Amino acid sequence: MKLRLIRNATLKLDILGRTILVDPFFAPKGTRPPLAGRAHNPLVDLPASTDEILSGVELVIVSHLHADHFDPVAQSLVPKHLPLICQTGDEDKIRSFGFSNVTPLIEPIDWQGILIERREGSHGLGPVVKKMGSVMGFSLMARNEPALYWAGDTVLYPAVESIIDETRPDVVIIHPCGARWEGDLITMDAEQAVAICRLASNASVVATHMDALDHATVTRDDLRRYAWSRVSRGSF
């Protein structure tokens, strides 16, 4: 398995000889409106051309339709014939963008020998969840490959704990940027990231969705410092 972070939550995954693109967000730097009133988004450029990013992609997974996970630029550039997996309820909207092979992830899907299974997520807790809408994570499992759990835009709550406990993933991908909406936490933060490391103590935990949007409150450096402070105190 190979994992390449593109930007924000956008990932390119090579698994079992296949290439999967997750949550494509292709907007040029500064062309999207602020989310917290601090700066136009995204805060950084893409690290490669969209042609290079899309090269070899055979499947697209879109976790939800927030613009930082599937923006109008990506909607126009991702080839419309590619199979695209989404959460239930988003399929009609995605088809309206011209995509012809859209499948909502309800029951586990076996795609090219890779088992893709939907996982629960909560884009915050309390009343903010209604504002944020539904989201999903997913698991990927394939023979002779590490088991991967992509948590997505979720906070740490009992369902995430249960997923880790029951599936025992080898790789866990989280979004601990501490994003907030009107003061409410809507993704994991540094404290929750360290808690994930404790819960998945035998897994490689990968932090993405950082340093790209103005409503985030935790940077990579912040997360690194917080994690090391837990280690130095013997509380990691």
Protein backbone atom coordinates (compact mmCIF):
# COMPACT_ATOMS: atom_id res chain seq x y z
CA MET A 1 0.00 0.00 0.00
CA LYS A 2 1.16 3.52 -0.82
CA LEU A 3 -0.44 6.65 0.56
CA ARG A 4 0.10 10.09 -0.93
CA LEU A 5 -1.39 13.15 0.73
CA ILE A 6 -2.31 15.68 -1.95
CA ARG A 7 -3.80 18.48 0.16
CA ASN A 8 -6.37 18.79 2.92
CA ALA A 9 -8.26 15.45 2.92
CA THR A 10 -7.37 14.55 -0.66
CA LEU A 11 -5.43 11.29 -0.84
CA LYS A 12 -4.14 9.06 -3.58
CA LEU A 13 -4.04 5.42 -2.48
CA ASP A 14 -2.25 2.61 -4.29
CA ILE A 15 -3.49 -0.74 -3.03
CA LEU A 16 -3.40 -4.17 -4.63
CA GLY A 17 -2.07 -2.57 -7.81
CA ARG A 18 -5.06 -0.23 -8.05
CA THR A 19 -5.24 3.55 -7.59
CA ILE A 20 -8.00 5.26 -5.61
CA LEU A 21 -8.53 9.02 -5.23
CA VAL A 22 -10.25 10.19 -2.04
CA ASP A 23 -12.12 13.49 -1.65
CA PRO A 24 -10.64 15.49 -4.54
CA PHE A 25 -10.30 19.20 -3.74
CA PHE A 26 -8.61 20.98 -6.64
CA ALA A 27 -9.38 24.69 -6.13
CA PRO A 28 -6.36 26.97 -6.67
CA LYS A 29 -4.96 28.69 -3.61
CA GLY A 30 -7.15 31.51 -2.30
CA THR A 31 -10.07 31.04 -4.71
CA ARG A 32 -12.64 29.80 -2.15
CA PRO A 33 -14.29 32.05 0.46
CA PRO A 34 -13.19 32.12 4.11
CA LEU A 35 -14.80 29.68 6.53
CA ALA A 36 -13.74 31.51 9.68
CA GLY A 37 -13.18 35.01 8.31
CA ARG A 38 -9.39 34.78 8.52
CA ALA A 39 -8.29 34.02 4.94
CA HIS A 40 -9.50 32.82 1.58
CA ASN A 41 -9.19 29.09 1.04
CA PRO A 42 -7.35 26.90 0.35
CA LEU A 43 -4.32 28.30 2.14
CA VAL A 44 -1.80 26.39 0.02
CA ASP A 45 -1.37 25.35 -3.60
CA LEU A 46 -1.69 21.81 -4.88
CA PRO A 47 1.70 20.05 -4.84
CA ALA A 48 1.29 18.81 -8.40
CA SER A 49 -0.78 19.45 -11.50
CA THR A 50 -4.29 18.04 -11.60
CA ASP A 51 -3.24 15.93 -14.60
CA GLU A 52 -0.54 14.30 -12.48
CA ILE A 53 -2.90 13.82 -9.54
CA LEU A 54 -5.53 12.18 -11.76
CA SER A 55 -3.04 10.02 -13.63
CA GLY A 56 -3.79 6.35 -13.11
CA VAL A 57 -6.87 6.91 -10.94
CA GLU A 58 -9.36 4.06 -11.32
CA LEU A 59 -11.84 4.76 -8.53
CA VAL A 60 -12.97 7.89 -6.68
CA ILE A 61 -14.39 7.94 -3.16
CA VAL A 62 -16.25 11.07 -1.98
CA SER A 63 -17.07 11.05 1.73
CA HIS A 64 -19.46 14.03 1.65
CA LEU A 65 -20.19 17.10 -0.43
CA HIS A 66 -18.58 19.91 1.53
CA ALA A 67 -16.60 22.00 -0.94
CA ASP A 68 -13.25 21.18 0.67
CA HIS A 69 -13.86 17.50 -0.10
CA PHE A 70 -15.36 17.69 -3.61
CA ASP A 71 -15.20 21.18 -5.04
CA PRO A 72 -16.46 22.54 -8.39
CA VAL A 73 -12.98 22.32 -9.95
CA ALA A 74 -12.72 18.63 -9.09
CA GLN A 75 -16.29 18.07 -10.22
CA SER A 76 -15.32 19.43 -13.63
CA LEU A 77 -11.92 17.70 -13.97
CA VAL A 78 -12.43 14.20 -12.57
CA PRO A 79 -13.33 11.97 -15.55
CA LYS A 80 -17.06 11.41 -15.52
CA HIS A 81 -16.82 7.73 -16.48
CA LEU A 82 -14.78 6.71 -13.45
CA PRO A 83 -16.59 4.65 -10.82
CA LEU A 84 -17.38 6.89 -7.85
CA ILE A 85 -18.44 5.71 -4.40
CA CYS A 86 -20.27 8.10 -2.06
CA GLN A 87 -22.44 8.11 1.02
CA THR A 88 -26.16 7.40 0.73
CA GLY A 89 -28.06 10.56 -0.16
CA ASP A 90 -25.30 12.19 -2.21
CA GLU A 91 -25.62 10.03 -5.31
CA ASP A 92 -28.24 12.09 -7.14
CA LYS A 93 -26.35 15.34 -6.63
CA ILE A 94 -23.14 13.75 -7.89
CA ARG A 95 -24.95 12.33 -10.93
CA SER A 96 -26.19 15.87 -11.64
CA PHE A 97 -22.53 16.85 -12.10
CA GLY A 98 -22.40 14.40 -15.01
CA PHE A 99 -20.93 11.32 -13.32
CA SER A 100 -22.38 8.15 -14.82
CA ASN A 101 -21.11 5.39 -12.51
CA VAL A 102 -22.08 6.44 -8.98
CA THR A 103 -22.65 3.92 -6.19
CA PRO A 104 -23.73 4.78 -2.64
CA LEU A 105 -21.80 2.81 -0.05
CA ILE A 106 -24.50 0.91 1.82
CA GLU A 107 -23.39 -2.70 1.96
CA PRO A 108 -19.68 -3.56 1.64
CA ILE A 109 -18.44 -3.35 -1.95
CA ASP A 110 -15.85 -5.71 -3.42
CA TRP A 111 -14.04 -3.64 -6.05
CA GLN A 112 -11.18 -5.36 -7.87
CA GLY A 113 -10.48 -7.54 -4.83
CA ILE A 114 -10.58 -4.60 -2.40
CA LEU A 115 -13.37 -4.70 0.19
CA ILE A 116 -14.73 -1.21 0.87
CA GLU A 117 -16.98 -0.83 3.91
CA ARG A 118 -18.77 2.26 5.19
CA ARG A 119 -17.94 3.51 8.69
CA GLU A 120 -19.95 5.89 10.84
CA GLY A 121 -18.77 9.41 11.56
CA SER A 122 -20.06 12.51 13.32
CA HIS A 123 -19.05 15.94 12.03
CA GLY A 124 -19.14 17.37 15.54
CA LEU A 125 -21.42 16.67 18.47
CA GLY A 126 -24.74 18.20 19.46
CA PRO A 127 -26.68 20.78 17.39
CA VAL A 128 -23.75 21.48 15.04
CA VAL A 129 -24.16 18.01 13.50
CA LYS A 130 -27.40 19.11 11.84
CA LYS A 131 -25.59 22.09 10.31
CA MET A 132 -22.68 19.97 9.08
CA GLY A 133 -24.82 17.14 7.70
CA SER A 134 -24.00 13.47 7.42
CA VAL A 135 -20.51 12.17 6.68
CA MET A 136 -18.92 8.78 6.31
CA GLY A 137 -15.60 7.08 6.85
CA PHE A 138 -14.60 3.80 5.29
CA SER A 139 -12.40 0.75 5.67
CA LEU A 140 -10.32 -0.82 2.92
CA MET A 141 -9.25 -4.45 3.16
CA ALA A 142 -7.40 -6.56 0.60
CA ARG A 143 -5.39 -9.74 0.70
CA ASN A 144 -1.73 -9.22 1.68
CA GLU A 145 -2.34 -5.51 2.25
CA PRO A 146 -2.61 -3.52 5.51
CA ALA A 147 -6.17 -2.97 6.72
CA LEU A 148 -6.94 0.74 6.47
CA TYR A 149 -9.51 2.81 8.37
CA TRP A 150 -10.13 6.31 6.98
CA ALA A 151 -12.09 8.07 9.71
CA GLY A 152 -12.97 11.18 7.71
CA ASP A 153 -14.50 14.39 9.03
CA THR A 154 -15.47 13.11 12.45
CA VAL A 155 -14.73 13.84 16.05
CA LEU A 156 -13.71 11.07 18.40
CA TYR A 157 -16.87 9.55 19.85
CA PRO A 158 -18.00 6.04 20.85
CA ALA A 159 -18.68 4.82 17.30
CA VAL A 160 -15.09 5.58 16.26
CA GLU A 161 -13.76 3.83 19.35
CA SER A 162 -15.87 0.77 18.50
CA ILE A 163 -14.68 0.71 14.89
CA ILE A 164 -11.04 0.66 15.99
CA ASP A 165 -11.70 -1.95 18.68
CA GLU A 166 -13.68 -4.25 16.39
CA THR A 167 -11.68 -3.97 13.16
CA ARG A 168 -8.12 -3.60 14.50
CA PRO A 169 -6.82 -1.62 11.51
CA ASP A 170 -3.15 -1.49 10.59
CA VAL A 171 -3.43 2.11 9.32
CA VAL A 172 -5.74 4.81 10.69
CA ILE A 173 -6.16 8.12 8.85
CA ILE A 174 -7.60 10.99 10.87
CA HIS A 175 -8.35 14.70 10.42
CA PRO A 176 -7.06 16.33 13.63
CA CYS A 177 -6.97 19.93 12.44
CA GLY A 178 -9.32 21.05 15.21
CA ALA A 179 -11.72 22.64 12.73
CA ARG A 180 -14.47 24.65 14.37
CA TRP A 181 -17.80 25.97 13.18
CA GLU A 182 -19.30 28.82 15.20
CA GLY A 183 -17.13 27.70 18.09
CA ASP A 184 -18.05 24.00 17.95
CA LEU A 185 -15.40 21.38 17.27
CA ILE A 186 -16.28 19.56 14.03
CA THR A 187 -13.17 17.40 13.50
CA MET A 188 -10.66 15.82 15.84
CA ASP A 189 -8.10 18.00 17.57
CA ALA A 190 -4.65 17.23 18.97
CA GLU A 191 -5.98 15.71 22.19
CA GLN A 192 -8.29 13.40 20.29
CA ALA A 193 -5.48 12.47 17.87
CA VAL A 194 -3.36 11.28 20.78
CA ALA A 195 -6.36 9.36 22.11
CA ILE A 196 -6.64 7.62 18.73
CA CYS A 197 -2.97 6.63 18.98
CA ARG A 198 -3.72 5.03 22.35
CA LEU A 199 -6.79 3.23 21.01
CA ALA A 200 -4.97 1.99 17.90
CA SER A 201 -1.63 1.37 19.59
CA ASN A 202 -0.52 -1.23 17.04
CA ALA A 203 -1.50 0.86 14.02
CA SER A 204 0.22 3.58 12.02
CA VAL A 205 -1.84 6.72 12.60
CA VAL A 206 -1.68 9.27 9.80
CA ALA A 207 -2.85 12.87 10.34
CA THR A 208 -4.17 14.72 7.28
CA HIS A 209 -6.59 17.61 6.57
CA MET A 210 -4.20 20.12 8.15
CA ASP A 211 -2.71 23.53 7.27
CA ALA A 212 -5.10 24.02 4.36
CA LEU A 213 -8.24 25.83 5.62
CA ASP A 214 -8.80 28.93 7.72
CA HIS A 215 -11.23 27.35 10.20
CA ALA A 216 -8.63 24.86 11.45
CA THR A 217 -7.15 25.56 14.88
CA VAL A 218 -4.42 22.87 15.02
CA THR A 219 -1.38 22.92 12.72
CA ARG A 220 1.06 20.09 12.05
CA ASP A 221 3.53 21.80 14.37
CA ASP A 222 0.87 22.13 17.07
CA LEU A 223 0.06 18.42 16.81
CA ARG A 224 3.73 17.46 16.88
CA ARG A 225 4.37 19.58 19.97
CA TYR A 226 1.30 18.25 21.77
CA ALA A 227 2.16 14.63 21.00
CA TRP A 228 5.76 15.07 22.17
CA SER A 229 4.57 16.76 25.35
CA ARG A 230 2.45 13.68 26.10
CA VAL A 231 5.46 11.44 25.43
CA SER A 232 7.76 13.49 27.65
CA ARG A 233 5.24 13.29 30.50
CA GLY A 234 4.83 9.56 30.01
CA SER A 235 1.13 10.03 29.25
CA PHE A 236 1.06 9.13 25.56
